[in-house]
Each structure stands twice: as structure tokens, then as C-alpha cells.
All heavy atoms as atom14 arrays in JSON, in Angstrom:
{
  "sequence": "TTGMTESEIAIHTRMAASKVGATTMDRPEWVAAHPHKAEVYCALTNN",
  "atom14_mask": [
    [1, 1, 1, 1, 1, 1, 1, 0, 0, 0, 0, 0, 0, 0],
    [1, 1, 1, 1, 1, 1, 1, 0, 0, 0, 0, 0, 0, 0],
    [1, 1, 1, 1, 0, 0, 0, 0, 0, 0, 0, 0, 0, 0],
    [1, 1, 1, 1, 1, 1, 1, 1, 0, 0, 0, 0, 0, 0],
    [1, 1, 1, 1, 1, 1, 1, 0, 0, 0, 0, 0, 0, 0],
    [1, 1, 1, 1, 1, 1, 1, 1, 1, 0, 0, 0, 0, 0],
    [1, 1, 1, 1, 1, 1, 0, 0, 0, 0, 0, 0, 0, 0],
    [1, 1, 1, 1, 1, 1, 1, 1, 1, 0, 0, 0, 0, 0],
    [1, 1, 1, 1, 1, 1, 1, 1, 0, 0, 0, 0, 0, 0],
    [1, 1, 1, 1, 1, 0, 0, 0, 0, 0, 0, 0, 0, 0],
    [1, 1, 1, 1, 1, 1, 1, 1, 0, 0, 0, 0, 0, 0],
    [1, 1, 1, 1, 1, 1, 1, 1, 1, 1, 0, 0, 0, 0],
    [1, 1, 1, 1, 1, 1, 1, 0, 0, 0, 0, 0, 0, 0],
    [1, 1, 1, 1, 1, 1, 1, 1, 1, 1, 1, 0, 0, 0],
    [1, 1, 1, 1, 1, 1, 1, 1, 0, 0, 0, 0, 0, 0],
    [1, 1, 1, 1, 1, 0, 0, 0, 0, 0, 0, 0, 0, 0],
    [1, 1, 1, 1, 1, 0, 0, 0, 0, 0, 0, 0, 0, 0],
    [1, 1, 1, 1, 1, 1, 0, 0, 0, 0, 0, 0, 0, 0],
    [1, 1, 1, 1, 1, 1, 1, 1, 1, 0, 0, 0, 0, 0],
    [1, 1, 1, 1, 1, 1, 1, 0, 0, 0, 0, 0, 0, 0],
    [1, 1, 1, 1, 0, 0, 0, 0, 0, 0, 0, 0, 0, 0],
    [1, 1, 1, 1, 1, 0, 0, 0, 0, 0, 0, 0, 0, 0],
    [1, 1, 1, 1, 1, 1, 1, 0, 0, 0, 0, 0, 0, 0],
    [1, 1, 1, 1, 1, 1, 1, 0, 0, 0, 0, 0, 0, 0],
    [1, 1, 1, 1, 1, 1, 1, 1, 0, 0, 0, 0, 0, 0],
    [1, 1, 1, 1, 1, 1, 1, 1, 0, 0, 0, 0, 0, 0],
    [1, 1, 1, 1, 1, 1, 1, 1, 1, 1, 1, 0, 0, 0],
    [1, 1, 1, 1, 1, 1, 1, 0, 0, 0, 0, 0, 0, 0],
    [1, 1, 1, 1, 1, 1, 1, 1, 1, 0, 0, 0, 0, 0],
    [1, 1, 1, 1, 1, 1, 1, 1, 1, 1, 1, 1, 1, 1],
    [1, 1, 1, 1, 1, 1, 1, 0, 0, 0, 0, 0, 0, 0],
    [1, 1, 1, 1, 1, 0, 0, 0, 0, 0, 0, 0, 0, 0],
    [1, 1, 1, 1, 1, 0, 0, 0, 0, 0, 0, 0, 0, 0],
    [1, 1, 1, 1, 1, 1, 1, 1, 1, 1, 0, 0, 0, 0],
    [1, 1, 1, 1, 1, 1, 1, 0, 0, 0, 0, 0, 0, 0],
    [1, 1, 1, 1, 1, 1, 1, 1, 1, 1, 0, 0, 0, 0],
    [1, 1, 1, 1, 1, 1, 1, 1, 1, 0, 0, 0, 0, 0],
    [1, 1, 1, 1, 1, 0, 0, 0, 0, 0, 0, 0, 0, 0],
    [1, 1, 1, 1, 1, 1, 1, 1, 1, 0, 0, 0, 0, 0],
    [1, 1, 1, 1, 1, 1, 1, 0, 0, 0, 0, 0, 0, 0],
    [1, 1, 1, 1, 1, 1, 1, 1, 1, 1, 1, 1, 0, 0],
    [1, 1, 1, 1, 1, 1, 0, 0, 0, 0, 0, 0, 0, 0],
    [1, 1, 1, 1, 1, 0, 0, 0, 0, 0, 0, 0, 0, 0],
    [1, 1, 1, 1, 1, 1, 1, 1, 0, 0, 0, 0, 0, 0],
    [1, 1, 1, 1, 1, 1, 1, 0, 0, 0, 0, 0, 0, 0],
    [1, 1, 1, 1, 1, 1, 1, 1, 0, 0, 0, 0, 0, 0],
    [1, 1, 1, 1, 1, 1, 1, 1, 0, 0, 0, 0, 0, 0]
  ],
  "atom14_positions": [
    [[9.03, -9.51, 9.54], [8.62, -8.14, 9.91], [7.24, -8.08, 10.53], [6.92, -7.12, 11.24], [8.65, -7.22, 8.68], [7.7, -7.7, 7.71], [10.03, -7.16, 8.06], [0.0, 0.0, 0.0], [0.0, 0.0, 0.0], [0.0, 0.0, 0.0], [0.0, 0.0, 0.0], [0.0, 0.0, 0.0], [0.0, 0.0, 0.0], [0.0, 0.0, 0.0]],
    [[6.4, -9.08, 10.27], [5.01, -9.02, 10.74], [4.66, -10.06, 11.79], [3.63, -9.92, 12.47], [4.05, -9.21, 9.55], [4.21, -10.54, 9.03], [4.31, -8.18, 8.45], [0.0, 0.0, 0.0], [0.0, 0.0, 0.0], [0.0, 0.0, 0.0], [0.0, 0.0, 0.0], [0.0, 0.0, 0.0], [0.0, 0.0, 0.0], [0.0, 0.0, 0.0]],
    [[5.46, -11.14, 11.89], [5.09, -12.24, 12.78], [3.96, -13.07, 12.24], [3.35, -13.86, 12.97], [0.0, 0.0, 0.0], [0.0, 0.0, 0.0], [0.0, 0.0, 0.0], [0.0, 0.0, 0.0], [0.0, 0.0, 0.0], [0.0, 0.0, 0.0], [0.0, 0.0, 0.0], [0.0, 0.0, 0.0], [0.0, 0.0, 0.0], [0.0, 0.0, 0.0]],
    [[3.65, -12.92, 10.95], [2.58, -13.66, 10.3], [3.18, -14.57, 9.23], [4.28, -14.32, 8.73], [1.59, -12.68, 9.65], [0.96, -11.69, 10.61], [0.13, -10.28, 9.79], [-1.22, -11.1, 8.94], [0.0, 0.0, 0.0], [0.0, 0.0, 0.0], [0.0, 0.0, 0.0], [0.0, 0.0, 0.0], [0.0, 0.0, 0.0], [0.0, 0.0, 0.0]],
    [[2.47, -15.63, 8.88], [2.94, -16.49, 7.79], [2.67, -15.8, 6.46], [1.91, -14.82, 6.38], [2.22, -17.84, 7.8], [0.83, -17.63, 7.49], [2.34, -18.52, 9.17], [0.0, 0.0, 0.0], [0.0, 0.0, 0.0], [0.0, 0.0, 0.0], [0.0, 0.0, 0.0], [0.0, 0.0, 0.0], [0.0, 0.0, 0.0], [0.0, 0.0, 0.0]],
    [[3.28, -16.3, 5.39], [3.05, -15.73, 4.07], [1.58, -15.81, 3.68], [1.03, -14.88, 3.07], [3.92, -16.43, 3.03], [5.41, -16.09, 3.15], [6.21, -16.69, 2.01], [5.62, -17.42, 1.18], [7.42, -16.44, 1.94], [0.0, 0.0, 0.0], [0.0, 0.0, 0.0], [0.0, 0.0, 0.0], [0.0, 0.0, 0.0], [0.0, 0.0, 0.0]],
    [[0.94, -16.91, 4.04], [-0.49, -17.06, 3.72], [-1.32, -16.04, 4.49], [-2.24, -15.43, 3.93], [-0.95, -18.48, 4.07], [-0.3, -19.44, 3.29], [0.0, 0.0, 0.0], [0.0, 0.0, 0.0], [0.0, 0.0, 0.0], [0.0, 0.0, 0.0], [0.0, 0.0, 0.0], [0.0, 0.0, 0.0], [0.0, 0.0, 0.0], [0.0, 0.0, 0.0]],
    [[-0.99, -15.84, 5.74], [-1.74, -14.87, 6.56], [-1.54, -13.45, 6.04], [-2.48, -12.65, 6.04], [-1.29, -14.98, 8.01], [-1.72, -16.28, 8.68], [-1.08, -16.5, 10.04], [-0.07, -15.82, 10.34], [-1.58, -17.34, 10.82], [0.0, 0.0, 0.0], [0.0, 0.0, 0.0], [0.0, 0.0, 0.0], [0.0, 0.0, 0.0], [0.0, 0.0, 0.0]],
    [[-0.34, -13.14, 5.59], [-0.08, -11.81, 5.01], [-0.92, -11.61, 3.75], [-1.49, -10.53, 3.53], [1.42, -11.65, 4.69], [2.24, -11.62, 5.98], [1.67, -10.38, 3.86], [3.72, -11.74, 5.76], [0.0, 0.0, 0.0], [0.0, 0.0, 0.0], [0.0, 0.0, 0.0], [0.0, 0.0, 0.0], [0.0, 0.0, 0.0], [0.0, 0.0, 0.0]],
    [[-1.02, -12.64, 2.93], [-1.79, -12.54, 1.69], [-3.27, -12.34, 1.94], [-3.97, -11.66, 1.18], [-1.56, -13.78, 0.83], [0.0, 0.0, 0.0], [0.0, 0.0, 0.0], [0.0, 0.0, 0.0], [0.0, 0.0, 0.0], [0.0, 0.0, 0.0], [0.0, 0.0, 0.0], [0.0, 0.0, 0.0], [0.0, 0.0, 0.0], [0.0, 0.0, 0.0]],
    [[-3.78, -12.95, 3.03], [-5.22, -12.88, 3.32], [-5.57, -11.69, 4.21], [-6.6, -11.04, 4.02], [-5.68, -14.2, 3.98], [-5.43, -15.38, 3.02], [-7.16, -14.14, 4.36], [-5.63, -16.74, 3.65], [0.0, 0.0, 0.0], [0.0, 0.0, 0.0], [0.0, 0.0, 0.0], [0.0, 0.0, 0.0], [0.0, 0.0, 0.0], [0.0, 0.0, 0.0]],
    [[-4.71, -11.4, 5.17], [-4.95, -10.3, 6.12], [-3.89, -9.21, 5.9], [-3.18, -8.81, 6.83], [-4.9, -10.81, 7.55], [-6.07, -11.67, 7.92], [-6.08, -12.49, 9.04], [-7.27, -11.85, 7.32], [-7.24, -13.13, 9.1], [-7.98, -12.75, 8.07], [0.0, 0.0, 0.0], [0.0, 0.0, 0.0], [0.0, 0.0, 0.0], [0.0, 0.0, 0.0]],
    [[-3.82, -8.73, 4.69], [-2.78, -7.77, 4.31], [-2.88, -6.48, 5.09], [-1.85, -5.89, 5.48], [-2.86, -7.49, 2.8], [-2.92, -8.73, 2.08], [-1.67, -6.7, 2.32], [0.0, 0.0, 0.0], [0.0, 0.0, 0.0], [0.0, 0.0, 0.0], [0.0, 0.0, 0.0], [0.0, 0.0, 0.0], [0.0, 0.0, 0.0], [0.0, 0.0, 0.0]],
    [[-4.08, -6.0, 5.33], [-4.23, -4.75, 6.07], [-3.61, -4.86, 7.47], [-2.95, -3.93, 7.94], [-5.71, -4.38, 6.19], [-6.31, -3.79, 4.94], [-7.76, -3.39, 5.14], [-8.27, -2.61, 4.02], [-9.51, -2.14, 3.94], [-10.37, -2.39, 4.93], [-9.9, -1.44, 2.89], [0.0, 0.0, 0.0], [0.0, 0.0, 0.0], [0.0, 0.0, 0.0]],
    [[-3.83, -5.97, 8.13], [-3.29, -6.15, 9.46], [-1.77, -6.2, 9.43], [-1.09, -5.65, 10.3], [-3.84, -7.42, 10.1], [-5.31, -7.31, 10.49], [-6.42, -7.4, 9.07], [-7.19, -8.98, 9.38], [0.0, 0.0, 0.0], [0.0, 0.0, 0.0], [0.0, 0.0, 0.0], [0.0, 0.0, 0.0], [0.0, 0.0, 0.0], [0.0, 0.0, 0.0]],
    [[-1.22, -6.83, 8.38], [0.23, -6.89, 8.24], [0.81, -5.49, 8.06], [1.84, -5.15, 8.65], [0.6, -7.78, 7.06], [0.0, 0.0, 0.0], [0.0, 0.0, 0.0], [0.0, 0.0, 0.0], [0.0, 0.0, 0.0], [0.0, 0.0, 0.0], [0.0, 0.0, 0.0], [0.0, 0.0, 0.0], [0.0, 0.0, 0.0], [0.0, 0.0, 0.0]],
    [[0.15, -4.68, 7.26], [0.63, -3.32, 7.02], [0.57, -2.47, 8.29], [1.45, -1.64, 8.55], [-0.19, -2.67, 5.91], [0.0, 0.0, 0.0], [0.0, 0.0, 0.0], [0.0, 0.0, 0.0], [0.0, 0.0, 0.0], [0.0, 0.0, 0.0], [0.0, 0.0, 0.0], [0.0, 0.0, 0.0], [0.0, 0.0, 0.0], [0.0, 0.0, 0.0]],
    [[-0.46, -2.68, 9.09], [-0.56, -1.96, 10.35], [0.57, -2.34, 11.3], [1.12, -1.5, 12.03], [-1.91, -2.24, 11.02], [-2.97, -1.65, 10.3], [0.0, 0.0, 0.0], [0.0, 0.0, 0.0], [0.0, 0.0, 0.0], [0.0, 0.0, 0.0], [0.0, 0.0, 0.0], [0.0, 0.0, 0.0], [0.0, 0.0, 0.0], [0.0, 0.0, 0.0]],
    [[0.95, -3.61, 11.28], [2.0, -4.1, 12.18], [3.34, -3.42, 11.93], [4.12, -3.21, 12.86], [2.14, -5.62, 12.04], [1.07, -6.44, 12.73], [1.29, -7.93, 12.47], [0.26, -8.77, 13.21], [0.56, -8.82, 14.67], [0.0, 0.0, 0.0], [0.0, 0.0, 0.0], [0.0, 0.0, 0.0], [0.0, 0.0, 0.0], [0.0, 0.0, 0.0]],
    [[3.64, -3.08, 10.67], [4.95, -2.5, 10.37], [4.94, -0.98, 10.41], [5.97, -0.34, 10.18], [5.47, -2.99, 9.0], [5.6, -4.51, 8.99], [4.57, -2.52, 7.85], [0.0, 0.0, 0.0], [0.0, 0.0, 0.0], [0.0, 0.0, 0.0], [0.0, 0.0, 0.0], [0.0, 0.0, 0.0], [0.0, 0.0, 0.0], [0.0, 0.0, 0.0]],
    [[3.78, -0.37, 10.7], [3.72, 1.08, 10.86], [3.68, 1.87, 9.57], [4.3, 2.94, 9.46], [0.0, 0.0, 0.0], [0.0, 0.0, 0.0], [0.0, 0.0, 0.0], [0.0, 0.0, 0.0], [0.0, 0.0, 0.0], [0.0, 0.0, 0.0], [0.0, 0.0, 0.0], [0.0, 0.0, 0.0], [0.0, 0.0, 0.0], [0.0, 0.0, 0.0]],
    [[2.94, 1.38, 8.58], [2.82, 2.08, 7.3], [2.05, 3.39, 7.47], [1.35, 3.61, 8.46], [2.13, 1.19, 6.28], [0.0, 0.0, 0.0], [0.0, 0.0, 0.0], [0.0, 0.0, 0.0], [0.0, 0.0, 0.0], [0.0, 0.0, 0.0], [0.0, 0.0, 0.0], [0.0, 0.0, 0.0], [0.0, 0.0, 0.0], [0.0, 0.0, 0.0]],
    [[2.17, 4.27, 6.48], [1.49, 5.57, 6.5], [0.04, 5.41, 6.06], [-0.24, 4.89, 4.98], [2.19, 6.58, 5.58], [3.54, 6.76, 6.02], [1.48, 7.92, 5.59], [0.0, 0.0, 0.0], [0.0, 0.0, 0.0], [0.0, 0.0, 0.0], [0.0, 0.0, 0.0], [0.0, 0.0, 0.0], [0.0, 0.0, 0.0], [0.0, 0.0, 0.0]],
    [[-0.88, 5.86, 6.89], [-2.29, 5.85, 6.5], [-2.52, 6.95, 5.46], [-2.06, 8.07, 5.61], [-3.2, 6.09, 7.72], [-2.85, 7.33, 8.35], [-3.05, 4.96, 8.73], [0.0, 0.0, 0.0], [0.0, 0.0, 0.0], [0.0, 0.0, 0.0], [0.0, 0.0, 0.0], [0.0, 0.0, 0.0], [0.0, 0.0, 0.0], [0.0, 0.0, 0.0]],
    [[-3.26, 6.61, 4.41], [-3.4, 7.5, 3.26], [-4.84, 7.96, 3.07], [-5.78, 7.35, 3.59], [-2.91, 6.81, 1.99], [-1.5, 6.23, 2.08], [-0.21, 7.48, 2.27], [-0.13, 8.13, 0.59], [0.0, 0.0, 0.0], [0.0, 0.0, 0.0], [0.0, 0.0, 0.0], [0.0, 0.0, 0.0], [0.0, 0.0, 0.0], [0.0, 0.0, 0.0]],
    [[-5.01, 9.02, 2.29], [-6.33, 9.56, 1.97], [-6.95, 8.83, 0.79], [-7.04, 9.36, -0.33], [-6.24, 11.06, 1.67], [-6.0, 11.89, 2.93], [-6.15, 11.35, 4.03], [-5.66, 13.09, 2.79], [0.0, 0.0, 0.0], [0.0, 0.0, 0.0], [0.0, 0.0, 0.0], [0.0, 0.0, 0.0], [0.0, 0.0, 0.0], [0.0, 0.0, 0.0]],
    [[-7.33, 7.59, 1.02], [-7.97, 6.75, 0.01], [-7.14, 6.63, -1.26], [-7.45, 7.28, -2.28], [-9.37, 7.27, -0.33], [-10.4, 7.08, 0.78], [-11.78, 7.5, 0.32], [-12.2, 6.75, -0.86], [-13.21, 7.1, -1.65], [-13.91, 8.18, -1.4], [-13.53, 6.36, -2.7], [0.0, 0.0, 0.0], [0.0, 0.0, 0.0], [0.0, 0.0, 0.0]],
    [[-6.12, 5.82, -1.28], [-5.3, 5.65, -2.49], [-6.11, 5.02, -3.62], [-6.57, 3.88, -3.5], [-4.18, 4.71, -2.04], [-4.22, 4.72, -0.55], [-5.64, 5.0, -0.17], [0.0, 0.0, 0.0], [0.0, 0.0, 0.0], [0.0, 0.0, 0.0], [0.0, 0.0, 0.0], [0.0, 0.0, 0.0], [0.0, 0.0, 0.0], [0.0, 0.0, 0.0]],
    [[-6.26, 5.76, -4.69], [-7.01, 5.27, -5.85], [-6.03, 4.8, -6.92], [-5.1, 4.07, -6.63], [-7.93, 6.39, -6.36], [-8.96, 6.86, -5.34], [-10.32, 6.22, -5.51], [-10.43, 5.21, -6.23], [-11.29, 6.76, -4.94], [0.0, 0.0, 0.0], [0.0, 0.0, 0.0], [0.0, 0.0, 0.0], [0.0, 0.0, 0.0], [0.0, 0.0, 0.0]],
    [[-6.21, 5.23, -8.16], [-5.37, 4.75, -9.25], [-3.92, 5.2, -9.08], [-3.63, 6.32, -8.66], [-5.88, 5.27, -10.59], [-7.15, 4.63, -11.05], [-8.38, 4.76, -10.48], [-7.33, 3.8, -12.2], [-9.31, 4.05, -11.21], [-8.69, 3.45, -12.27], [-6.46, 3.33, -13.18], [-9.22, 2.64, -13.27], [-6.98, 2.53, -14.19], [-8.34, 2.18, -14.22]],
    [[-3.02, 4.31, -9.45], [-1.58, 4.6, -9.51], [-1.18, 4.58, -10.99], [-1.65, 3.74, -11.75], [-0.77, 3.57, -8.72], [0.71, 3.92, -8.76], [-1.27, 3.46, -7.29], [0.0, 0.0, 0.0], [0.0, 0.0, 0.0], [0.0, 0.0, 0.0], [0.0, 0.0, 0.0], [0.0, 0.0, 0.0], [0.0, 0.0, 0.0], [0.0, 0.0, 0.0]],
    [[-0.32, 5.52, -11.38], [0.15, 5.58, -12.77], [1.66, 5.8, -12.79], [2.16, 6.71, -12.13], [-0.55, 6.71, -13.53], [0.0, 0.0, 0.0], [0.0, 0.0, 0.0], [0.0, 0.0, 0.0], [0.0, 0.0, 0.0], [0.0, 0.0, 0.0], [0.0, 0.0, 0.0], [0.0, 0.0, 0.0], [0.0, 0.0, 0.0], [0.0, 0.0, 0.0]],
    [[2.37, 4.95, -13.53], [3.82, 5.07, -13.66], [4.17, 5.79, -14.95], [3.63, 5.48, -16.02], [4.46, 3.68, -13.64], [0.0, 0.0, 0.0], [0.0, 0.0, 0.0], [0.0, 0.0, 0.0], [0.0, 0.0, 0.0], [0.0, 0.0, 0.0], [0.0, 0.0, 0.0], [0.0, 0.0, 0.0], [0.0, 0.0, 0.0], [0.0, 0.0, 0.0]],
    [[5.07, 6.75, -14.86], [5.5, 7.52, -16.03], [6.14, 6.58, -17.04], [6.96, 5.74, -16.69], [6.49, 8.6, -15.59], [6.66, 9.71, -16.58], [7.27, 9.51, -17.81], [6.32, 11.02, -16.53], [7.28, 10.66, -18.46], [6.71, 11.59, -17.72], [0.0, 0.0, 0.0], [0.0, 0.0, 0.0], [0.0, 0.0, 0.0], [0.0, 0.0, 0.0]],
    [[5.79, 6.71, -18.32], [6.32, 5.77, -19.32], [7.78, 6.01, -19.71], [8.41, 5.13, -20.31], [5.4, 5.99, -20.53], [4.96, 7.41, -20.39], [4.82, 7.64, -18.91], [0.0, 0.0, 0.0], [0.0, 0.0, 0.0], [0.0, 0.0, 0.0], [0.0, 0.0, 0.0], [0.0, 0.0, 0.0], [0.0, 0.0, 0.0], [0.0, 0.0, 0.0]],
    [[8.33, 7.18, -19.36], [9.67, 7.52, -19.84], [10.71, 7.69, -18.74], [11.88, 7.93, -19.04], [9.61, 8.78, -20.69], [8.63, 8.7, -21.82], [8.61, 7.64, -22.71], [7.62, 9.53, -22.2], [7.63, 7.83, -23.58], [7.01, 8.95, -23.3], [0.0, 0.0, 0.0], [0.0, 0.0, 0.0], [0.0, 0.0, 0.0], [0.0, 0.0, 0.0]],
    [[10.29, 7.61, -17.48], [11.24, 7.72, -16.38], [10.65, 7.09, -15.13], [9.44, 6.85, -15.05], [11.61, 9.18, -16.13], [10.43, 10.11, -15.87], [10.92, 11.55, -15.71], [9.76, 12.52, -15.58], [10.25, 13.92, -15.42], [0.0, 0.0, 0.0], [0.0, 0.0, 0.0], [0.0, 0.0, 0.0], [0.0, 0.0, 0.0], [0.0, 0.0, 0.0]],
    [[11.51, 6.85, -14.14], [11.06, 6.21, -12.9], [10.39, 7.26, -12.02], [11.03, 7.92, -11.19], [12.24, 5.56, -12.19], [0.0, 0.0, 0.0], [0.0, 0.0, 0.0], [0.0, 0.0, 0.0], [0.0, 0.0, 0.0], [0.0, 0.0, 0.0], [0.0, 0.0, 0.0], [0.0, 0.0, 0.0], [0.0, 0.0, 0.0], [0.0, 0.0, 0.0]],
    [[9.1, 7.4, -12.21], [8.3, 8.39, -11.5], [6.88, 7.86, -11.45], [6.33, 7.43, -12.47], [8.37, 9.73, -12.24], [7.82, 10.91, -11.49], [8.14, 12.21, -12.23], [9.29, 12.69, -12.09], [7.28, 12.7, -12.97], [0.0, 0.0, 0.0], [0.0, 0.0, 0.0], [0.0, 0.0, 0.0], [0.0, 0.0, 0.0], [0.0, 0.0, 0.0]],
    [[6.27, 7.88, -10.28], [4.97, 7.25, -10.09], [4.02, 8.21, -9.39], [4.43, 8.96, -8.5], [5.09, 5.94, -9.27], [3.79, 5.13, -9.35], [6.27, 5.1, -9.74], [0.0, 0.0, 0.0], [0.0, 0.0, 0.0], [0.0, 0.0, 0.0], [0.0, 0.0, 0.0], [0.0, 0.0, 0.0], [0.0, 0.0, 0.0], [0.0, 0.0, 0.0]],
    [[2.76, 8.18, -9.79], [1.74, 9.07, -9.25], [0.58, 8.25, -8.67], [0.24, 7.2, -9.2], [1.18, 9.98, -10.35], [2.2, 10.95, -10.92], [3.29, 10.5, -11.65], [2.05, 12.32, -10.72], [4.23, 11.39, -12.17], [2.97, 13.23, -11.25], [4.06, 12.75, -11.96], [4.98, 13.63, -12.47], [0.0, 0.0, 0.0], [0.0, 0.0, 0.0]],
    [[-0.02, 8.76, -7.6], [-1.19, 8.1, -7.02], [-2.22, 9.15, -6.64], [-1.9, 10.16, -5.99], [-0.82, 7.29, -5.78], [-2.23, 6.47, -4.99], [0.0, 0.0, 0.0], [0.0, 0.0, 0.0], [0.0, 0.0, 0.0], [0.0, 0.0, 0.0], [0.0, 0.0, 0.0], [0.0, 0.0, 0.0], [0.0, 0.0, 0.0], [0.0, 0.0, 0.0]],
    [[-3.48, 8.93, -7.05], [-4.58, 9.81, -6.69], [-5.06, 9.46, -5.28], [-5.45, 8.32, -5.01], [-5.73, 9.66, -7.69], [0.0, 0.0, 0.0], [0.0, 0.0, 0.0], [0.0, 0.0, 0.0], [0.0, 0.0, 0.0], [0.0, 0.0, 0.0], [0.0, 0.0, 0.0], [0.0, 0.0, 0.0], [0.0, 0.0, 0.0], [0.0, 0.0, 0.0]],
    [[-4.98, 10.43, -4.39], [-5.54, 10.3, -3.04], [-6.83, 11.09, -3.05], [-6.83, 12.31, -2.91], [-4.55, 10.83, -2.0], [-3.15, 10.18, -2.05], [-2.21, 10.87, -1.07], [-3.23, 8.69, -1.77], [0.0, 0.0, 0.0], [0.0, 0.0, 0.0], [0.0, 0.0, 0.0], [0.0, 0.0, 0.0], [0.0, 0.0, 0.0], [0.0, 0.0, 0.0]],
    [[-7.93, 10.39, -3.25], [-9.15, 11.05, -3.73], [-9.79, 12.0, -2.73], [-10.24, 13.08, -3.08], [-10.16, 10.0, -4.21], [-11.2, 10.64, -4.94], [-10.76, 9.19, -3.08], [0.0, 0.0, 0.0], [0.0, 0.0, 0.0], [0.0, 0.0, 0.0], [0.0, 0.0, 0.0], [0.0, 0.0, 0.0], [0.0, 0.0, 0.0], [0.0, 0.0, 0.0]],
    [[-9.86, 11.64, -1.46], [-10.38, 12.5, -0.4], [-10.36, 11.7, 0.9], [-10.15, 10.47, 0.88], [-11.8, 13.03, -0.7], [-12.81, 11.92, -0.94], [-13.0, 11.04, -0.12], [-13.47, 11.97, -2.09], [0.0, 0.0, 0.0], [0.0, 0.0, 0.0], [0.0, 0.0, 0.0], [0.0, 0.0, 0.0], [0.0, 0.0, 0.0], [0.0, 0.0, 0.0]],
    [[-10.6, 12.37, 2.01], [-10.69, 11.66, 3.3], [-11.25, 12.61, 4.34], [-10.52, 13.35, 4.99], [-9.32, 11.15, 3.74], [-9.38, 10.33, 5.02], [-10.45, 10.14, 5.59], [-8.23, 9.87, 5.49], [0.0, 0.0, 0.0], [0.0, 0.0, 0.0], [0.0, 0.0, 0.0], [0.0, 0.0, 0.0], [0.0, 0.0, 0.0], [0.0, 0.0, 0.0]]
  ]
}
């Protein structure tokens, strides 16, 4: 998907994410997964 080796993806992860067209976010901070169901939250602190 990226045209990069696994090592390059691990080291230059931001570039790999840009290559596949990921969504730019408002500073993703802590992520928290609900303990009782499959539901996940992420704080987007500001931008």
C-alpha cells in the first residue's frame, strides 16, 4: 500500500500514512477503549 519496506514504515510512519491518504486530525491525544463493549474514544485536543 505504501511502496515502502516494513522497516521504512516503522521509522517513517508519518510518510507512510500520508501515502495512503489518511485523515488529518486535530492533534490526537489519549485514546480510551470502553471496558464493556467495542467502543473507542480519542481526545482531539485542538488545532
